PDB file of N, CA and C in Angstrom:
ATOM      1  N   UNK A   1     131.415   4.904  61.469  1.00  0.00           N
ATOM      2  CA  UNK A   1     130.772   6.134  61.076  1.00  0.00           C
ATOM      3  C   UNK A   1     131.578   7.338  61.552  1.00  0.00           C
ATOM      4  N   UNK A   2     131.517   8.391  60.792  1.00  0.00           N
ATOM      5  CA  UNK A   2     132.196   9.612  61.187  1.00  0.00           C
ATOM      6  C   UNK A   2     131.330  10.400  62.162  1.00  0.00           C
ATOM      7  N   UNK A   3     130.020  10.432  61.919  1.00  0.00           N
ATOM      8  CA  UNK A   3     129.150  11.183  62.816  1.00  0.00           C
ATOM      9  C   UNK A   3     128.901  10.400  64.096  1.00  0.00           C
ATOM     10  N   UNK A   4     128.818  11.105  65.186  1.00  0.00           N
ATOM     11  CA  UNK A   4     128.607  10.465  66.482  1.00  0.00           C
ATOM     12  C   UNK A   4     127.178   9.948  66.601  1.00  0.00           C
ATOM     13  N   UNK A   5     127.073   8.787  67.186  1.00  0.00           N
ATOM     14  CA  UNK A   5     125.778   8.194  67.460  1.00  0.00           C
ATOM     15  C   UNK A   5     125.761   7.764  68.920  1.00  0.00           C
ATOM     16  N   UNK A   6     124.597   7.460  69.413  1.00  0.00           N
ATOM     17  CA  UNK A   6     124.435   7.122  70.818  1.00  0.00           C
ATOM     18  C   UNK A   6     125.305   5.934  71.230  1.00  0.00           C
ATOM     19  N   UNK A   7     125.424   4.943  70.376  1.00  0.00           N
ATOM     20  CA  UNK A   7     126.139   3.717  70.720  1.00  0.00           C
ATOM     21  C   UNK A   7     127.470   3.586  69.990  1.00  0.00           C
ATOM     22  N   UNK A   8     128.058   4.692  69.612  1.00  0.00           N
ATOM     23  CA  UNK A   8     129.327   4.670  68.883  1.00  0.00           C
ATOM     24  C   UNK A   8     130.469   4.235  69.801  1.00  0.00           C
ATOM     25  N   UNK A   9     131.211   3.231  69.374  1.00  0.00           N
ATOM     26  CA  UNK A   9     132.400   2.800  70.099  1.00  0.00           C
ATOM     27  C   UNK A   9     133.576   3.597  69.539  1.00  0.00           C
ATOM     28  N   UNK A  10     134.110   4.505  70.320  1.00  0.00           N
ATOM     29  CA  UNK A  10     135.171   5.400  69.841  1.00  0.00           C
ATOM     30  C   UNK A  10     136.442   4.648  69.452  1.00  0.00           C
ATOM     31  N   UNK A  11     136.676   3.481  70.036  1.00  0.00           N
ATOM     32  CA  UNK A  11     137.870   2.699  69.696  1.00  0.00           C
ATOM     33  C   UNK A  11     137.812   2.163  68.274  1.00  0.00           C
ATOM     34  N   UNK A  12     136.622   2.019  67.717  1.00  0.00           N
ATOM     35  CA  UNK A  12     136.464   1.491  66.366  1.00  0.00           C
ATOM     36  C   UNK A  12     135.936   2.534  65.393  1.00  0.00           C
ATOM     37  N   UNK A  13     136.022   3.789  65.753  1.00  0.00           N
ATOM     38  CA  UNK A  13     135.509   4.851  64.889  1.00  0.00           C
ATOM     39  C   UNK A  13     136.475   5.122  63.725  1.00  0.00           C
ATOM     40  N   UNK A  14     135.973   5.796  62.734  1.00  0.00           N
ATOM     41  CA  UNK A  14     136.775   6.136  61.556  1.00  0.00           C
ATOM     42  C   UNK A  14     137.972   6.998  61.957  1.00  0.00           C
ATOM     43  N   UNK A  15     137.755   7.939  62.853  1.00  0.00           N
ATOM     44  CA  UNK A  15     138.857   8.820  63.252  1.00  0.00           C
ATOM     45  C   UNK A  15     139.952   8.058  63.989  1.00  0.00           C
ATOM     46  N   UNK A  16     139.593   7.119  64.839  1.00  0.00           N
ATOM     47  CA  UNK A  16     140.605   6.314  65.552  1.00  0.00           C
ATOM     48  C   UNK A  16     141.383   5.441  64.571  1.00  0.00           C
ATOM     49  N   UNK A  17     140.668   4.775  63.665  1.00  0.00           N
ATOM     50  CA  UNK A  17     141.323   3.915  62.676  1.00  0.00           C
ATOM     51  C   UNK A  17     142.237   4.750  61.782  1.00  0.00           C
ATOM     52  N   UNK A  18     141.794   5.931  61.386  1.00  0.00           N
ATOM     53  CA  UNK A  18     142.623   6.817  60.568  1.00  0.00           C
ATOM     54  C   UNK A  18     143.871   7.248  61.331  1.00  0.00           C
ATOM     55  N   UNK A  19     143.742   7.500  62.623  1.00  0.00           N
ATOM     56  CA  UNK A  19     144.906   7.884  63.426  1.00  0.00           C
ATOM     57  C   UNK A  19     145.922   6.753  63.508  1.00  0.00           C
ATOM     58  N   UNK A  20     145.453   5.533  63.641  1.00  0.00           N
ATOM     59  CA  UNK A  20     146.354   4.373  63.658  1.00  0.00           C
ATOM     60  C   UNK A  20     147.053   4.233  62.309  1.00  0.00           C
ATOM     61  N   UNK A  21     146.301   4.426  61.232  1.00  0.00           N
ATOM     62  CA  UNK A  21     146.893   4.363  59.892  1.00  0.00           C
ATOM     63  C   UNK A  21     147.993   5.400  59.727  1.00  0.00           C
ATOM     64  N   UNK A  22     147.710   6.630  60.152  1.00  0.00           N
ATOM     65  CA  UNK A  22     148.701   7.700  60.032  1.00  0.00           C
ATOM     66  C   UNK A  22     149.960   7.392  60.838  1.00  0.00           C
ATOM     67  N   UNK A  23     149.777   6.862  62.035  1.00  0.00           N
ATOM     68  CA  UNK A  23     150.928   6.516  62.869  1.00  0.00           C
ATOM     69  C   UNK A  23     151.812   5.476  62.173  1.00  0.00           C
ATOM     70  N   UNK A  24     151.208   4.458  61.592  1.00  0.00           N
ATOM     71  CA  UNK A  24     151.975   3.410  60.909  1.00  0.00           C
ATOM     72  C   UNK A  24     152.633   3.946  59.639  1.00  0.00           C
ATOM     73  N   UNK A  25     151.923   4.783  58.908  1.00  0.00           N
ATOM     74  CA  UNK A  25     152.477   5.329  57.668  1.00  0.00           C
ATOM     75  C   UNK A  25     153.585   6.342  57.941  1.00  0.00           C
ATOM     76  N   UNK A  26     153.499   7.077  59.035  1.00  0.00           N
ATOM     77  CA  UNK A  26     154.571   8.013  59.382  1.00  0.00           C
ATOM     78  C   UNK A  26     155.853   7.260  59.709  1.00  0.00           C
ATOM     79  N   UNK A  27     155.730   6.102  60.341  1.00  0.00           N
ATOM     80  CA  UNK A  27     156.904   5.290  60.683  1.00  0.00           C
ATOM     81  C   UNK A  27     157.592   4.738  59.439  1.00  0.00           C
ATOM     82  N   UNK A  28     156.791   4.226  58.513  1.00  0.00           N
ATOM     83  CA  UNK A  28     157.354   3.478  57.382  1.00  0.00           C
ATOM     84  C   UNK A  28     157.276   4.212  56.043  1.00  0.00           C
ATOM     85  N   UNK A  29     156.509   5.287  55.980  1.00  0.00           N
ATOM     86  CA  UNK A  29     156.324   6.127  54.781  1.00  0.00           C
ATOM     87  C   UNK A  29     155.499   5.442  53.693  1.00  0.00           C
ATOM     88  N   UNK A  30     155.773   4.164  53.402  1.00  0.00           N
ATOM     89  CA  UNK A  30     155.030   3.438  52.370  1.00  0.00           C
ATOM     90  C   UNK A  30     154.678   2.058  52.917  1.00  0.00           C
ATOM     91  N   UNK A  31     153.411   1.686  52.765  1.00  0.00           N
ATOM     92  CA  UNK A  31     152.962   0.359  53.193  1.00  0.00           C
ATOM     93  C   UNK A  31     152.003  -0.208  52.153  1.00  0.00           C
ATOM     94  N   UNK A  32     152.127  -1.500  51.905  1.00  0.00           N
ATOM     95  CA  UNK A  32     151.179  -2.163  51.020  1.00  0.00           C
ATOM     96  C   UNK A  32     149.818  -2.224  51.709  1.00  0.00           C
ATOM     97  N   UNK A  33     148.785  -2.331  50.899  1.00  0.00           N
ATOM     98  CA  UNK A  33     147.414  -2.366  51.408  1.00  0.00           C
ATOM     99  C   UNK A  33     147.250  -3.461  52.454  1.00  0.00           C
ATOM    100  N   UNK A  34     147.695  -4.666  52.142  1.00  0.00           N
ATOM    101  CA  UNK A  34     147.507  -5.791  53.063  1.00  0.00           C
ATOM    102  C   UNK A  34     148.282  -5.599  54.362  1.00  0.00           C
ATOM    103  N   UNK A  35     149.479  -5.026  54.296  1.00  0.00           N
ATOM    104  CA  UNK A  35     150.279  -4.790  55.501  1.00  0.00           C
ATOM    105  C   UNK A  35     149.624  -3.722  56.373  1.00  0.00           C
ATOM    106  N   UNK A  36     149.112  -2.673  55.760  1.00  0.00           N
ATOM    107  CA  UNK A  36     148.434  -1.616  56.510  1.00  0.00           C
ATOM    108  C   UNK A  36     147.182  -2.172  57.187  1.00  0.00           C
ATOM    109  N   UNK A  37     146.422  -2.952  56.455  1.00  0.00           N
ATOM    110  CA  UNK A  37     145.207  -3.559  57.005  1.00  0.00           C
ATOM    111  C   UNK A  37     145.544  -4.454  58.193  1.00  0.00           C
ATOM    112  N   UNK A  38     146.588  -5.258  58.053  1.00  0.00           N
ATOM    113  CA  UNK A  38     146.995  -6.166  59.125  1.00  0.00           C
ATOM    114  C   UNK A  38     147.401  -5.394  60.380  1.00  0.00           C
ATOM    115  N   UNK A  39     148.150  -4.306  60.198  1.00  0.00           N
ATOM    116  CA  UNK A  39     148.605  -3.512  61.333  1.00  0.00           C
ATOM    117  C   UNK A  39     147.434  -2.832  62.042  1.00  0.00           C
ATOM    118  N   UNK A  40     146.466  -2.340  61.282  1.00  0.00           N
ATOM    119  CA  UNK A  40     145.295  -1.692  61.880  1.00  0.00           C
ATOM    120  C   UNK A  40     144.469  -2.719  62.654  1.00  0.00           C
ATOM    121  N   UNK A  41     144.249  -3.879  62.058  1.00  0.00           N
ATOM    122  CA  UNK A  41     143.469  -4.909  62.740  1.00  0.00           C
ATOM    123  C   UNK A  41     144.157  -5.372  64.018  1.00  0.00           C
ATOM    124  N   UNK A  42     145.480  -5.435  63.992  1.00  0.00           N
ATOM    125  CA  UNK A  42     146.219  -5.850  65.182  1.00  0.00           C
ATOM    126  C   UNK A  42     146.137  -4.782  66.275  1.00  0.00           C
ATOM    127  N   UNK A  43     146.233  -3.521  65.893  1.00  0.00           N
ATOM    128  CA  UNK A  43     146.236  -2.431  66.871  1.00  0.00           C
ATOM    129  C   UNK A  43     144.853  -2.135  67.445  1.00  0.00           C
ATOM    130  N   UNK A  44     143.843  -2.174  66.610  1.00  0.00           N
ATOM    131  CA  UNK A  44     142.510  -1.752  67.040  1.00  0.00           C
ATOM    132  C   UNK A  44     141.592  -2.947  67.319  1.00  0.00           C
ATOM    133  N   UNK A  45     141.763  -4.024  66.587  1.00  0.00           N
ATOM    134  CA  UNK A  45     140.909  -5.192  66.746  1.00  0.00           C
ATOM    135  C   UNK A  45     140.120  -5.468  65.479  1.00  0.00           C
ATOM    136  N   UNK A  46     139.547  -6.648  65.434  1.00  0.00           N
ATOM    137  CA  UNK A  46     138.835  -7.066  64.220  1.00  0.00           C
ATOM    138  C   UNK A  46     137.584  -6.234  63.957  1.00  0.00           C
ATOM    139  N   UNK A  47     137.074  -5.560  64.984  1.00  0.00           N
ATOM    140  CA  UNK A  47     135.896  -4.703  64.805  1.00  0.00           C
ATOM    141  C   UNK A  47     136.201  -3.491  63.921  1.00  0.00           C
ATOM    142  N   UNK A  48     137.473  -3.159  63.789  1.00  0.00           N
ATOM    143  CA  UNK A  48     137.857  -1.998  62.974  1.00  0.00           C
ATOM    144  C   UNK A  48     137.740  -2.279  61.485  1.00  0.00           C
ATOM    145  N   UNK A  49     137.492  -3.513  61.122  1.00  0.00           N
ATOM    146  CA  UNK A  49     137.326  -3.888  59.708  1.00  0.00           C
ATOM    147  C   UNK A  49     136.248  -3.038  59.036  1.00  0.00           C
ATOM    148  N   UNK A  50     135.199  -2.726  59.765  1.00  0.00           N
ATOM    149  CA  UNK A  50     134.083  -1.952  59.218  1.00  0.00           C
ATOM    150  C   UNK A  50     134.522  -0.536  58.851  1.00  0.00           C
ATOM    151  N   UNK A  51     135.356   0.076  59.663  1.00  0.00           N
ATOM    152  CA  UNK A  51     135.766   1.468  59.456  1.00  0.00           C
ATOM    153  C   UNK A  51     137.019   1.599  58.592  1.00  0.00           C
ATOM    154  N   UNK A  52     137.659   0.498  58.242  1.00  0.00           N
ATOM    155  CA  UNK A  52     138.937   0.548  57.538  1.00  0.00           C
ATOM    156  C   UNK A  52     138.855   1.307  56.215  1.00  0.00           C
ATOM    157  N   UNK A  53     137.928   0.944  55.359  1.00  0.00           N
ATOM    158  CA  UNK A  53     137.829   1.587  54.042  1.00  0.00           C
ATOM    159  C   UNK A  53     137.372   3.044  54.155  1.00  0.00           C
ATOM    160  N   UNK A  54     136.498   3.318  55.100  1.00  0.00           N
ATOM    161  CA  UNK A  54     136.065   4.711  55.311  1.00  0.00           C
ATOM    162  C   UNK A  54     137.226   5.567  55.794  1.00  0.00           C
ATOM    163  N   UNK A  55     138.076   5.007  56.642  1.00  0.00           N
ATOM    164  CA  UNK A  55     139.248   5.744  57.130  1.00  0.00           C
ATOM    165  C   UNK A  55     140.230   6.006  55.993  1.00  0.00           C
ATOM    166  N   UNK A  56     140.412   5.028  55.116  1.00  0.00           N
ATOM    167  CA  UNK A  56     141.271   5.240  53.941  1.00  0.00           C
ATOM    168  C   UNK A  56     140.729   6.374  53.080  1.00  0.00           C
ATOM    169  N   UNK A  57     139.441   6.352  52.835  1.00  0.00           N
ATOM    170  CA  UNK A  57     138.817   7.405  52.029  1.00  0.00           C
ATOM    171  C   UNK A  57     138.977   8.770  52.690  1.00  0.00           C
ATOM    172  N   UNK A  58     138.773   8.815  53.990  1.00  0.00           N
ATOM    173  CA  UNK A  58     138.918  10.065  54.732  1.00  0.00           C
ATOM    174  C   UNK A  58     140.333  10.628  54.595  1.00  0.00           C
ATOM    175  N   UNK A  59     141.342   9.784  54.789  1.00  0.00           N
ATOM    176  CA  UNK A  59     142.737  10.243  54.703  1.00  0.00           C
ATOM    177  C   UNK A  59     143.097  10.663  53.272  1.00  0.00           C
ATOM    178  N   UNK A  60     142.542   9.989  52.294  1.00  0.00           N
ATOM    179  CA  UNK A  60     142.800  10.360  50.907  1.00  0.00           C
ATOM    180  C   UNK A  60     142.185  11.720  50.590  1.00  0.00           C
ATOM    181  N   UNK A  61     140.975  11.943  51.068  1.00  0.00           N
ATOM    182  CA  UNK A  61     140.274  13.205  50.802  1.00  0.00           C
ATOM    183  C   UNK A  61     140.992  14.388  51.452  1.00  0.00           C
ATOM    184  N   UNK A  62     141.521  14.205  52.659  1.00  0.00           N
ATOM    185  CA  UNK A  62     142.204  15.307  53.333  1.00  0.00           C
ATOM    186  C   UNK A  62     143.663  15.435  52.873  1.00  0.00           C
ATOM    187  N   UNK A  63     144.099  14.602  51.940  1.00  0.00           N
ATOM    188  CA  UNK A  63     145.412  14.762  51.331  1.00  0.00           C
ATOM    189  C   UNK A  63     146.572  14.172  52.104  1.00  0.00           C
ATOM    190  N   UNK A  64     146.320  13.182  52.950  1.00  0.00           N
ATOM    191  CA  UNK A  64     147.395  12.575  53.733  1.00  0.00           C
ATOM    192  C   UNK A  64     147.927  11.286  53.119  1.00  0.00           C
ATOM    193  N   UNK A  65     147.242  10.762  52.117  1.00  0.00           N
ATOM    194  CA  UNK A  65     147.654   9.513  51.481  1.00  0.00           C
ATOM    195  C   UNK A  65     147.796   9.680  49.985  1.00  0.00           C
ATOM    196  N   UNK A  66     148.681   8.919  49.441  1.00  0.00           N
ATOM    197  CA  UNK A  66     148.798   8.783  47.989  1.00  0.00           C
ATOM    198  C   UNK A  66     148.816   7.295  47.694  1.00  0.00           C
ATOM    199  N   UNK A  67     147.998   6.872  46.742  1.00  0.00           N
ATOM    200  CA  UNK A  67     147.898   5.455  46.398  1.00  0.00           C
ATOM    201  C   UNK A  67     148.735   5.158  45.165  1.00  0.00           C
ATOM    202  N   UNK A  68     149.509   4.078  45.230  1.00  0.00           N
ATOM    203  CA  UNK A  68     150.329   3.639  44.102  1.00  0.00           C
ATOM    204  C   UNK A  68     149.750   2.327  43.578  1.00  0.00           C
ATOM    205  N   UNK A  69     149.161   2.396  42.393  1.00  0.00           N
ATOM    206  CA  UNK A  69     148.485   1.241  41.810  1.00  0.00           C
ATOM    207  C   UNK A  69     149.475   0.125  41.493  1.00  0.00           C
ATOM    208  N   UNK A  70     150.639   0.495  40.998  1.00  0.00           N
ATOM    209  CA  UNK A  70     151.613  -0.494  40.531  1.00  0.00           C
ATOM    210  C   UNK A  70     151.961  -1.525  41.606  1.00  0.00           C
ATOM    211  N   UNK A  71     152.138  -1.081  42.841  1.00  0.00           N
ATOM    212  CA  UNK A  71     152.499  -2.021  43.906  1.00  0.00           C
ATOM    213  C   UNK A  71     151.441  -2.087  45.011  1.00  0.00           C
ATOM    214  N   UNK A  72     150.228  -1.590  44.743  1.00  0.00           N
ATOM    215  CA  UNK A  72     149.103  -1.642  45.683  1.00  0.00           C
ATOM    216  C   UNK A  72     149.521  -1.172  47.070  1.00  0.00           C
ATOM    217  N   UNK A  73     150.065   0.047  47.129  1.00  0.00           N
ATOM    218  CA  UNK A  73     150.547   0.563  48.406  1.00  0.00           C
ATOM    219  C   UNK A  73     150.123   2.008  48.608  1.00  0.00           C
ATOM    220  N   UNK A  74     150.205   2.420  49.869  1.00  0.00           N
ATOM    221  CA  UNK A  74     149.873   3.789  50.252  1.00  0.00           C
ATOM    222  C   UNK A  74     151.124   4.482  50.760  1.00  0.00           C
ATOM    223  N   UNK A  75     151.256   5.753  50.394  1.00  0.00           N
ATOM    224  CA  UNK A  75     152.398   6.561  50.834  1.00  0.00           C
ATOM    225  C   UNK A  75     151.881   7.726  51.658  1.00  0.00           C
ATOM    226  N   UNK A  76     152.539   7.981  52.757  1.00  0.00           N
ATOM    227  CA  UNK A  76     152.191   9.110  53.619  1.00  0.00           C
ATOM    228  C   UNK A  76     152.670  10.401  52.968  1.00  0.00           C
ATOM    229  N   UNK A  77     151.773  11.403  52.930  1.00  0.00           N
ATOM    230  CA  UNK A  77     152.123  12.704  52.377  1.00  0.00           C
ATOM    231  C   UNK A  77     152.126  13.731  53.493  1.00  0.00           C
ATOM    232  N   UNK A  78     153.219  14.413  53.655  1.00  0.00           N
ATOM    233  CA  UNK A  78     153.286  15.469  54.670  1.00  0.00           C
ATOM    234  C   UNK A  78     152.647  16.734  54.113  1.00  0.00           C
ATOM    235  N   UNK A  79     152.209  17.570  55.020  1.00  0.00           N
ATOM    236  CA  UNK A  79     151.727  18.846  54.566  1.00  0.00           C
ATOM    237  C   UNK A  79     150.364  19.179  54.947  1.00  0.00           C
TER     238      UNK A  79
END
């Protein structure tokens, strides 16, 4: 969840997962969906599975990601 709750685990929050995604995408610029998912799960843990899609949506809305349908990958956008 993006909004804070009493029992929110900050390590598995949408903002933390999005930060991990950005770090990986800044390093490699383009990552396939499955590779990005694997890297996030390895860095944050399997509990981050719940926040993964919400974090992708968040980064897309704020203009940090571009999705390429042809090769099912995400590209980091600066700016």
